[in-house]
Amino acid sequence: IAYGDSIMKTNNDPTFIGNYSIYLTNSKLYTKAEEILNAAMAANPDNFMLNKQMGYRFLMEGTEYEGEKADAAKKAKQWSEMAALKQKALEIYAQSVTWYDKAYAINGDDKETNISLHQLKVRLGQAVPEELKAKYDSYMKH
């Protein structure tokens, strides 16, 4: 991570920053990923890759809350804690939708974004635009 941080000081390439944020997110360093993405978006607010990766950052944190953290509470029979963690996951997923919506508005043809956005909207009980639904359905047929 220190190597990536040192490169960040001289490299403002959105693709590099997006890829580095994936590494940070997959390492569960969500706050750090968010910080570098926010800094990069200050100069590139409409960059598809940066918005998509911010959506991914929140998707993965929500998945952690809904998955392993809630499962640990369940094993410990801490039912109210498990419910709170699942509610927290839904709140985080809502943040993910905000970013994926923006990425979709920039590039509505990215399969990964479209699948994630569709699944999140369904999970949260949000309306799915017909165009997005049609794209999602076409991916599921193949």
Protein backbone atom coordinates (compact mmCIF):
# COMPACT_ATOMS: atom_id res chain seq x y z
CA ILE A 1 0.00 0.00 0.00
CA ALA A 2 2.86 2.38 0.74
CA TYR A 3 4.11 1.89 -2.83
CA GLY A 4 0.66 2.69 -4.22
CA ASP A 5 0.40 5.74 -1.97
CA SER A 6 3.74 7.06 -3.20
CA ILE A 7 2.69 6.64 -6.83
CA MET A 8 -0.61 8.42 -6.07
CA LYS A 9 1.33 11.60 -5.27
CA THR A 10 2.53 11.86 -8.87
CA ASN A 11 -0.02 9.86 -10.83
CA ASN A 12 -3.42 11.43 -11.45
CA ASP A 13 -4.43 8.88 -14.09
CA PRO A 14 -8.07 7.89 -13.40
CA THR A 15 -7.47 4.33 -14.63
CA PHE A 16 -4.55 3.85 -12.24
CA ILE A 17 -6.53 5.39 -9.38
CA GLY A 18 -9.55 3.22 -10.18
CA ASN A 19 -7.44 0.08 -10.23
CA TYR A 20 -5.66 1.04 -7.02
CA SER A 21 -9.05 1.65 -5.38
CA ILE A 22 -10.10 -1.89 -6.38
CA TYR A 23 -7.02 -3.23 -4.60
CA LEU A 24 -7.82 -1.16 -1.50
CA THR A 25 -11.49 -2.17 -1.55
CA ASN A 26 -10.65 -5.85 -1.94
CA SER A 27 -8.28 -5.42 1.02
CA LYS A 28 -11.24 -4.01 3.01
CA LEU A 29 -9.58 -0.59 3.22
CA TYR A 30 -12.85 1.12 2.31
CA THR A 31 -12.10 4.53 3.79
CA LYS A 32 -8.74 4.72 2.03
CA ALA A 33 -10.35 3.73 -1.29
CA GLU A 34 -13.02 6.38 -0.81
CA GLU A 35 -10.41 9.03 0.00
CA ILE A 36 -8.39 8.45 -3.17
CA LEU A 37 -11.52 8.26 -5.32
CA ASN A 38 -12.91 11.49 -3.86
CA ALA A 39 -9.58 13.24 -4.45
CA ALA A 40 -9.48 12.04 -8.06
CA MET A 41 -13.13 12.97 -8.66
CA ALA A 42 -12.45 16.51 -7.53
CA ALA A 43 -10.63 16.92 -10.86
CA ASN A 44 -12.65 14.33 -12.83
CA PRO A 45 -16.22 14.30 -11.46
CA ASP A 46 -17.68 12.70 -14.58
CA ASN A 47 -15.08 9.97 -15.05
CA PHE A 48 -16.85 6.66 -15.55
CA MET A 49 -14.15 4.47 -13.97
CA LEU A 50 -13.94 6.57 -10.81
CA ASN A 51 -17.71 6.62 -10.29
CA LYS A 52 -18.01 2.90 -11.00
CA GLN A 53 -15.26 2.09 -8.51
CA MET A 54 -16.90 4.23 -5.83
CA GLY A 55 -20.06 2.17 -6.39
CA TYR A 56 -17.97 -0.98 -6.06
CA ARG A 57 -16.37 0.33 -2.86
CA PHE A 58 -19.78 0.69 -1.19
CA LEU A 59 -21.08 -2.58 -2.66
CA MET A 60 -18.24 -4.52 -1.10
CA GLU A 61 -18.56 -2.86 2.30
CA GLY A 62 -22.29 -3.55 2.29
CA THR A 63 -21.60 -7.16 1.37
CA GLU A 64 -19.23 -7.45 4.32
CA TYR A 65 -21.87 -6.11 6.73
CA GLU A 66 -24.58 -8.34 5.33
CA GLY A 67 -22.31 -11.36 5.07
CA GLU A 68 -19.49 -12.13 7.43
CA LYS A 69 -20.29 -9.54 10.12
CA ALA A 70 -23.96 -10.53 10.28
CA ASP A 71 -23.03 -14.23 10.17
CA ALA A 72 -20.71 -13.77 13.16
CA ALA A 73 -23.52 -12.10 15.11
CA LYS A 74 -25.89 -14.91 14.13
CA LYS A 75 -23.44 -17.56 15.35
CA ALA A 76 -23.18 -15.71 18.64
CA LYS A 77 -27.00 -15.55 18.76
CA GLN A 78 -26.86 -11.77 18.92
CA TRP A 79 -30.09 -11.28 17.03
CA SER A 80 -30.46 -7.54 17.49
CA GLU A 81 -26.84 -7.02 16.43
CA MET A 82 -27.42 -9.18 13.35
CA ALA A 83 -30.50 -7.14 12.41
CA ALA A 84 -28.59 -3.88 12.92
CA LEU A 85 -25.75 -5.09 10.71
CA LYS A 86 -28.16 -6.09 7.95
CA GLN A 87 -29.83 -2.67 8.19
CA LYS A 88 -26.42 -1.00 7.98
CA ALA A 89 -25.72 -3.07 4.86
CA LEU A 90 -28.89 -1.73 3.23
CA GLU A 91 -27.83 1.84 4.01
CA ILE A 92 -24.41 1.21 2.49
CA TYR A 93 -25.99 -0.42 -0.57
CA ALA A 94 -28.06 2.74 -1.05
CA GLN A 95 -24.80 4.71 -1.26
CA SER A 96 -23.54 2.21 -3.82
CA VAL A 97 -26.65 2.79 -5.96
CA THR A 98 -25.97 6.53 -5.96
CA TRP A 99 -22.53 5.98 -7.49
CA TYR A 100 -23.57 3.23 -9.86
CA ASP A 101 -26.45 5.44 -11.06
CA LYS A 102 -23.94 8.16 -11.88
CA ALA A 103 -21.64 5.69 -13.65
CA TYR A 104 -24.63 4.35 -15.61
CA ALA A 105 -25.54 7.88 -16.70
CA ILE A 106 -21.99 8.33 -18.01
CA ASN A 107 -21.78 4.93 -19.72
CA GLY A 108 -24.95 2.87 -19.90
CA ASP A 109 -23.25 0.06 -21.81
CA ASP A 110 -20.91 -1.34 -19.15
CA LYS A 111 -22.11 -4.85 -18.32
CA GLU A 112 -20.60 -5.02 -14.80
CA THR A 113 -22.12 -1.69 -13.82
CA ASN A 114 -25.50 -2.61 -15.26
CA ILE A 115 -25.63 -5.96 -13.46
CA SER A 116 -24.56 -4.47 -10.12
CA LEU A 117 -26.96 -1.54 -10.42
CA HIS A 118 -29.90 -3.77 -11.36
CA GLN A 119 -29.24 -6.22 -8.53
CA LEU A 120 -28.84 -3.45 -5.96
CA LYS A 121 -32.03 -1.69 -7.03
CA VAL A 122 -33.95 -4.97 -6.80
CA ARG A 123 -32.37 -5.74 -3.41
CA LEU A 124 -33.41 -2.31 -2.10
CA GLY A 125 -36.88 -2.42 -3.65
CA GLN A 126 -36.13 0.52 -5.94
CA ALA A 127 -37.63 0.98 -9.38
CA VAL A 128 -35.49 -0.40 -12.19
CA PRO A 129 -35.64 1.66 -15.40
CA GLU A 130 -36.93 -0.37 -18.36
CA GLU A 131 -33.75 0.21 -20.36
CA LEU A 132 -31.60 -1.17 -17.53
CA LYS A 133 -33.97 -4.09 -17.02
CA ALA A 134 -33.79 -4.97 -20.73
CA LYS A 135 -29.98 -4.89 -20.66
CA TYR A 136 -29.86 -7.03 -17.51
CA ASP A 137 -32.29 -9.54 -19.00
CA SER A 138 -30.20 -9.77 -22.17
CA TYR A 139 -27.10 -10.61 -20.09
CA MET A 140 -28.91 -13.34 -18.21
CA LYS A 141 -29.98 -15.07 -21.45
CA HIS A 142 -26.39 -15.74 -22.49
